[in-house]
Amino acid sequence: MKIELQGTAGPGGWPVRGCRCASCNRLRIAGVRYEPTSVRVDGVPLEACARREVPGGYEADAPAGGRLLVASGPGARPEPAPGAVYDAVLLDLAGAPEHLGLLRNAGAVTDMTRVMAVHVDHRVPSAEELERRLGYWRGPLAGPYRTLLLGGSRSGKSAEAELRLIAQGDVTYVATGAVRDGDAEWSARIEAHRRRRPSWWRTVETTGLADVLASAEGPLLVDGIGTWVAAVMDGADAWDDPSRAASRIDELVAAWRGTSAHVIAVSDEVGLSLVPDNRAGRAFRDVLGTVNQRLAAESDEAALVVAGRVTELR
């Protein structure tokens, strides 16, 4: 089956005429324009192929053989036919990448399915950013592979971690920060994270990260290392003597090095803030900074997230 994307943008193209958003403006400055989605399959216009309507789009039969699932437009989430396994899917990945994860979870998209983005537009900041995201979304994420995402408070580091795994069909989310009785603000933060995650993700709430890393095989998201360090220091009574937490930290680093999973861990970057004015704060900063360095040294990839933008750390 030969698929030619002659245009990949939404109905108004990209940039959208008259739109002053940064995404459209970047393309205008570069002199680049993406035309509305137009597809040929085995040399035949997609709209001329045999098709069957489904909610959110349609199935199409390739002239040379093969079954496609196609989103009808921006925001559409085509539902797979019962038991269907597709040779190719053409989806609105700019606006609904989680739908690809749902299709993978349902078995409608497999490792052999070609994944293509259509109806793209200014819902993503740039063509380069879309391509970066597609690198995480198009195929399965094999392990072992370890990514450490660092960032300050409200930097977007957790959202970036979730974004990288959003199109996967089988993800385990490891939450190291449990709900605290009487702390409404902390509970609200945790609930916001829960609402953002796809319903088919499994959630494990634990500080036993070494055991999880040793047994996991599929995609794994750990959020976060900072709350894990705080829990370990509490459990080891290490606020006055951080060395009491050393064995747990050594255990974590060894498990991180030896895991067979594709794992993304989120951690707080503490080196850019003010020196804490109390002993416990300084102890936490020093321990977490050391843990970040040790995990980064054993990582295949590390990145810093600032204001929602990502800088790779070489």
Protein backbone atom coordinates (compact mmCIF):
# COMPACT_ATOMS: atom_id res chain seq x y z
CA MET A 1 0.00 0.00 0.00
CA LYS A 2 1.47 3.35 -1.08
CA ILE A 3 0.20 6.44 0.73
CA GLU A 4 1.04 9.91 -0.59
CA LEU A 5 0.29 12.94 1.58
CA GLN A 6 -0.08 15.80 -0.89
CA GLY A 7 -1.35 18.07 1.88
CA THR A 8 -1.51 17.55 5.64
CA ALA A 9 -3.08 20.71 7.10
CA GLY A 10 -6.56 21.50 8.34
CA PRO A 11 -9.26 22.95 6.06
CA GLY A 12 -7.79 26.47 6.27
CA GLY A 13 -4.23 25.36 5.65
CA TRP A 14 -1.33 26.25 7.91
CA PRO A 15 -0.68 29.11 8.46
CA VAL A 16 -4.33 30.08 8.62
CA ARG A 17 -4.98 33.21 6.59
CA GLY A 18 -5.45 36.23 8.83
CA CYS A 19 -4.38 34.40 12.00
CA ARG A 20 -1.82 36.26 14.09
CA CYS A 21 -0.86 33.45 16.46
CA ALA A 22 2.83 32.65 16.96
CA SER A 23 2.51 29.27 15.24
CA CYS A 24 1.12 30.76 12.03
CA ASN A 25 3.50 33.69 12.18
CA ARG A 26 6.57 31.44 12.39
CA LEU A 27 5.56 29.72 9.15
CA ARG A 28 4.87 33.02 7.39
CA ILE A 29 8.27 34.35 8.37
CA ALA A 30 9.87 31.14 7.07
CA GLY A 31 7.86 31.37 3.85
CA VAL A 32 6.32 27.94 4.44
CA ARG A 33 2.71 26.87 3.90
CA TYR A 34 1.04 23.49 4.44
CA GLU A 35 -1.98 22.86 2.21
CA PRO A 36 -5.22 21.23 3.40
CA THR A 37 -5.13 17.46 3.78
CA SER A 38 -5.10 15.62 0.46
CA VAL A 39 -4.20 11.94 0.22
CA ARG A 40 -3.66 9.42 -2.56
CA VAL A 41 -3.60 5.70 -1.86
CA ASP A 42 -2.00 3.46 -4.49
CA GLY A 43 -2.31 6.39 -6.90
CA VAL A 44 -6.03 6.88 -6.24
CA PRO A 45 -7.51 9.87 -4.37
CA LEU A 46 -8.52 8.74 -0.90
CA GLU A 47 -12.06 10.01 -1.39
CA ALA A 48 -12.42 7.67 -4.39
CA CYS A 49 -11.53 4.56 -2.37
CA ALA A 50 -14.23 2.26 -1.04
CA ARG A 51 -15.18 3.56 2.38
CA ARG A 52 -17.42 2.90 5.37
CA GLU A 53 -18.43 5.65 7.78
CA VAL A 54 -17.60 5.26 11.46
CA PRO A 55 -18.16 7.78 14.26
CA GLY A 56 -15.50 10.48 13.87
CA GLY A 57 -14.33 9.42 10.42
CA TYR A 58 -14.30 6.46 8.09
CA GLU A 59 -12.56 3.26 7.08
CA ALA A 60 -11.12 3.01 3.58
CA ASP A 61 -9.90 0.10 1.47
CA ALA A 62 -6.65 0.59 -0.44
CA PRO A 63 -6.90 -0.44 -4.13
CA ALA A 64 -3.90 -2.78 -3.76
CA GLY A 65 -5.17 -4.18 -0.46
CA GLY A 66 -5.06 -2.80 3.05
CA ARG A 67 -7.40 -1.17 5.52
CA LEU A 68 -7.20 2.44 6.69
CA LEU A 69 -8.85 4.41 9.48
CA VAL A 70 -9.17 8.13 8.74
CA ALA A 71 -10.15 11.09 10.93
CA SER A 72 -12.80 13.21 9.24
CA GLY A 73 -11.28 16.54 10.31
CA PRO A 74 -9.60 18.50 13.09
CA GLY A 75 -10.71 17.24 16.49
CA ALA A 76 -12.27 14.05 15.09
CA ARG A 77 -11.57 10.75 16.85
CA PRO A 78 -12.58 7.92 14.52
CA GLU A 79 -13.85 4.83 16.31
CA PRO A 80 -12.50 1.46 15.11
CA ALA A 81 -14.87 -1.19 13.86
CA PRO A 82 -15.21 -4.14 16.27
CA GLY A 83 -12.18 -6.41 15.95
CA ALA A 84 -10.56 -4.25 13.26
CA VAL A 85 -6.78 -4.09 12.90
CA TYR A 86 -5.60 -1.34 10.55
CA ASP A 87 -2.70 -1.26 8.15
CA ALA A 88 -2.59 2.54 8.37
CA VAL A 89 -4.27 5.28 10.39
CA LEU A 90 -4.51 8.94 9.38
CA LEU A 91 -5.29 10.86 12.55
CA ASP A 92 -5.48 14.35 14.03
CA LEU A 93 -2.33 13.94 16.09
CA ALA A 94 -1.92 17.70 16.47
CA GLY A 95 -5.10 17.91 18.50
CA ALA A 96 -5.86 14.42 19.80
CA PRO A 97 -2.70 12.30 20.19
CA GLU A 98 -4.31 10.42 23.08
CA HIS A 99 -6.72 8.87 20.56
CA LEU A 100 -3.80 6.95 19.06
CA GLY A 101 -3.09 5.57 22.51
CA LEU A 102 -6.71 4.47 22.80
CA LEU A 103 -6.51 2.71 19.41
CA ARG A 104 -3.31 0.95 20.49
CA ASN A 105 -4.89 -0.06 23.77
CA ALA A 106 -7.86 -1.52 21.86
CA GLY A 107 -5.56 -3.48 19.51
CA ALA A 108 -6.75 -1.60 16.40
CA VAL A 109 -3.24 -0.16 15.92
CA THR A 110 -0.29 -2.54 16.19
CA ASP A 111 3.46 -2.30 15.76
CA MET A 112 2.92 -2.91 12.02
CA THR A 113 0.40 -0.08 11.53
CA ARG A 114 1.58 3.01 9.68
CA VAL A 115 0.74 6.14 11.67
CA MET A 116 0.33 9.44 9.81
CA ALA A 117 -0.67 12.93 10.97
CA VAL A 118 -3.34 14.85 9.04
CA HIS A 119 -5.40 18.01 9.66
CA VAL A 120 -2.39 19.67 11.33
CA ASP A 121 -2.54 23.38 12.16
CA HIS A 122 -1.69 26.02 14.71
CA ARG A 123 -2.71 23.85 17.65
CA VAL A 124 0.99 23.00 17.79
CA PRO A 125 3.64 25.73 18.14
CA SER A 126 5.60 24.86 15.01
CA ALA A 127 6.23 22.23 12.37
CA GLU A 128 9.48 21.34 14.15
CA GLU A 129 7.65 20.82 17.43
CA LEU A 130 5.08 18.59 15.72
CA GLU A 131 7.86 16.48 14.23
CA ARG A 132 9.51 16.20 17.65
CA ARG A 133 6.27 14.93 19.16
CA LEU A 134 5.63 12.53 16.30
CA GLY A 135 8.98 10.94 17.08
CA TYR A 136 7.45 9.75 20.36
CA TRP A 137 4.02 8.93 18.96
CA ARG A 138 4.48 7.11 15.65
CA GLY A 139 5.84 3.83 16.99
CA PRO A 140 6.07 1.75 20.13
CA LEU A 141 8.67 2.86 22.67
CA ALA A 142 11.01 -0.04 23.36
CA GLY A 143 13.24 -0.40 26.41
CA PRO A 144 15.55 -0.25 28.04
CA TYR A 145 15.54 3.52 27.68
CA ARG A 146 15.74 6.01 30.54
CA THR A 147 14.75 9.70 30.32
CA LEU A 148 15.12 12.21 33.15
CA LEU A 149 13.01 15.38 32.79
CA LEU A 150 14.03 18.24 35.07
CA GLY A 151 12.28 21.52 35.71
CA GLY A 152 11.24 24.02 38.32
CA SER A 153 7.82 24.48 39.84
CA ARG A 154 5.09 24.90 37.19
CA SER A 155 7.65 24.51 34.44
CA GLY A 156 5.56 22.01 32.47
CA LYS A 157 7.85 19.04 33.18
CA SER A 158 5.01 16.67 34.14
CA ALA A 159 2.95 17.70 31.11
CA GLU A 160 5.99 17.06 28.86
CA ALA A 161 6.45 13.58 30.34
CA GLU A 162 2.78 12.76 29.78
CA LEU A 163 2.92 14.20 26.26
CA ARG A 164 5.76 11.86 25.32
CA LEU A 165 3.76 8.79 26.36
CA ILE A 166 0.24 9.95 25.48
CA ALA A 167 0.02 7.89 22.26
CA GLN A 168 1.13 4.64 23.88
CA GLY A 169 -1.46 2.00 24.65
CA ASP A 170 -0.01 0.47 27.81
CA VAL A 171 1.51 2.91 30.31
CA THR A 172 2.10 2.56 34.04
CA TYR A 173 2.06 5.85 35.94
CA VAL A 174 4.00 5.71 39.20
CA ALA A 175 2.86 8.43 41.60
CA THR A 176 5.22 8.97 44.51
CA GLY A 177 3.16 11.74 46.14
CA ALA A 178 0.17 10.42 48.09
CA VAL A 179 -2.82 12.53 49.11
CA ARG A 180 -2.14 14.36 52.37
CA ASP A 181 -5.02 14.55 54.82
CA GLY A 182 -6.02 18.14 55.44
CA ASP A 183 -3.95 19.59 52.57
CA ALA A 184 -6.58 20.69 50.06
CA GLU A 185 -4.09 22.42 47.75
CA TRP A 186 -1.88 19.31 47.44
CA SER A 187 -4.94 17.11 46.87
CA ALA A 188 -6.08 19.45 44.10
CA ARG A 189 -2.69 19.16 42.40
CA ILE A 190 -2.87 15.38 42.46
CA GLU A 191 -6.44 15.39 41.16
CA ALA A 192 -5.42 17.67 38.26
CA HIS A 193 -2.71 15.18 37.30
CA ARG A 194 -5.20 12.30 37.46
CA ARG A 195 -7.68 14.09 35.17
CA ARG A 196 -4.92 14.77 32.63
CA ARG A 197 -3.95 11.11 32.33
CA PRO A 198 -5.73 8.75 29.90
CA SER A 199 -8.24 6.46 31.56
CA TRP A 200 -6.50 3.30 30.30
CA TRP A 201 -3.19 4.10 32.03
CA ARG A 202 -2.49 2.06 35.13
CA THR A 203 -1.60 4.06 38.26
CA VAL A 204 0.64 2.77 41.02
CA GLU A 205 1.05 4.90 44.13
CA THR A 206 4.26 3.83 45.84
CA THR A 207 7.70 4.88 47.01
CA GLY A 208 9.06 1.43 46.15
CA LEU A 209 10.56 2.65 42.87
CA ALA A 210 13.39 0.12 42.78
CA ASP A 211 10.92 -2.78 42.78
CA VAL A 212 8.76 -1.15 40.09
CA LEU A 213 11.78 -0.48 37.85
CA ALA A 214 12.99 -4.06 38.29
CA SER A 215 9.68 -5.62 37.24
CA ALA A 216 8.40 -3.17 34.58
CA GLU A 217 8.72 -3.90 30.87
CA GLY A 218 6.40 -1.46 29.10
CA PRO A 219 6.37 2.36 29.17
CA LEU A 220 6.68 3.76 32.69
CA LEU A 221 6.22 7.32 33.95
CA VAL A 222 7.56 8.22 37.41
CA ASP A 223 6.30 11.49 38.87
CA GLY A 224 8.30 12.43 40.70
CA ILE A 225 11.74 11.97 42.15
CA GLY A 226 11.42 14.99 44.44
CA THR A 227 8.46 13.59 46.37
CA TRP A 228 10.22 10.21 46.48
CA VAL A 229 13.30 11.81 48.07
CA ALA A 230 11.12 13.55 50.65
CA ALA A 231 9.37 10.28 51.53
CA VAL A 232 12.68 8.42 51.80
CA MET A 233 14.14 11.10 54.05
CA ASP A 234 11.03 10.90 56.24
CA GLY A 235 11.20 7.12 56.43
CA ALA A 236 14.92 7.05 57.22
CA ASP A 237 14.73 10.00 59.65
CA ALA A 238 17.42 11.56 57.47
CA TRP A 239 16.62 15.27 57.79
CA ASP A 240 19.37 15.76 60.35
CA ASP A 241 21.66 13.12 58.85
CA PRO A 242 21.11 12.64 55.08
CA SER A 243 23.53 9.70 55.03
CA ARG A 244 20.74 7.59 56.53
CA ALA A 245 19.01 7.70 53.13
CA ALA A 246 22.10 6.59 51.20
CA SER A 247 21.18 2.90 50.90
CA ARG A 248 17.73 3.68 49.43
CA ILE A 249 19.29 6.08 46.93
CA ASP A 250 21.91 3.52 45.91
CA GLU A 251 19.11 1.00 45.44
CA LEU A 252 17.17 3.39 43.19
CA VAL A 253 20.18 4.24 41.01
CA ALA A 254 21.03 0.55 40.56
CA ALA A 255 17.42 -0.22 39.57
CA TRP A 256 17.38 2.75 37.16
CA ARG A 257 20.57 1.45 35.53
CA GLY A 258 19.25 -2.11 35.28
CA THR A 259 15.63 -1.57 34.22
CA SER A 260 14.37 -3.09 30.98
CA ALA A 261 11.51 -0.57 30.69
CA HIS A 262 11.14 2.58 28.64
CA VAL A 263 10.91 4.91 31.64
CA ILE A 264 10.51 8.67 31.99
CA ALA A 265 11.12 10.17 35.42
CA VAL A 266 10.18 13.72 36.41
CA SER A 267 12.29 15.56 38.96
CA ASP A 268 12.66 19.06 40.38
CA GLU A 269 15.67 21.09 39.34
CA VAL A 270 16.81 22.58 42.65
CA GLY A 271 20.03 24.26 41.55
CA LEU A 272 18.42 27.46 40.26
CA SER A 273 16.54 28.48 43.40
CA LEU A 274 17.62 30.39 46.48
CA VAL A 275 19.55 28.57 49.22
CA PRO A 276 16.91 27.44 51.77
CA ASP A 277 17.02 29.31 55.06
CA ASN A 278 16.59 26.17 57.18
CA ARG A 279 18.60 23.01 57.71
CA ALA A 280 15.94 20.58 56.49
CA GLY A 281 15.45 22.54 53.28
CA ARG A 282 19.17 22.58 52.58
CA ALA A 283 19.41 18.84 53.27
CA PHE A 284 16.57 18.13 50.83
CA ARG A 285 18.10 20.35 48.16
CA ASP A 286 21.50 18.67 48.49
CA VAL A 287 20.12 15.12 48.46
CA LEU A 288 17.77 15.71 45.52
CA GLY A 289 20.48 17.50 43.55
CA THR A 290 22.79 14.53 44.06
CA VAL A 291 20.07 12.04 43.08
CA ASN A 292 19.37 14.05 39.91
CA GLN A 293 23.04 13.96 38.97
CA ARG A 294 23.33 10.23 39.56
CA LEU A 295 20.18 9.41 37.59
CA ALA A 296 21.22 11.73 34.75
CA ALA A 297 24.57 9.95 34.54
CA GLU A 298 22.72 6.66 34.00
CA SER A 299 20.13 8.10 31.58
CA ASP A 300 19.91 7.70 27.83
CA GLU A 301 18.38 11.18 27.68
CA ALA A 302 17.98 14.15 30.01
CA ALA A 303 16.16 17.41 29.37
CA LEU A 304 15.30 20.65 31.15
CA VAL A 305 11.78 22.08 30.84
CA VAL A 306 11.39 25.84 31.26
CA ALA A 307 8.05 27.64 30.65
CA GLY A 308 6.82 24.56 28.80
CA ARG A 309 9.77 24.51 26.41
CA VAL A 310 12.28 21.70 26.31
CA THR A 311 16.06 21.91 26.16
CA GLU A 312 17.97 18.68 25.69
CA LEU A 313 20.91 18.24 28.07
CA ARG A 314 23.95 16.76 26.35
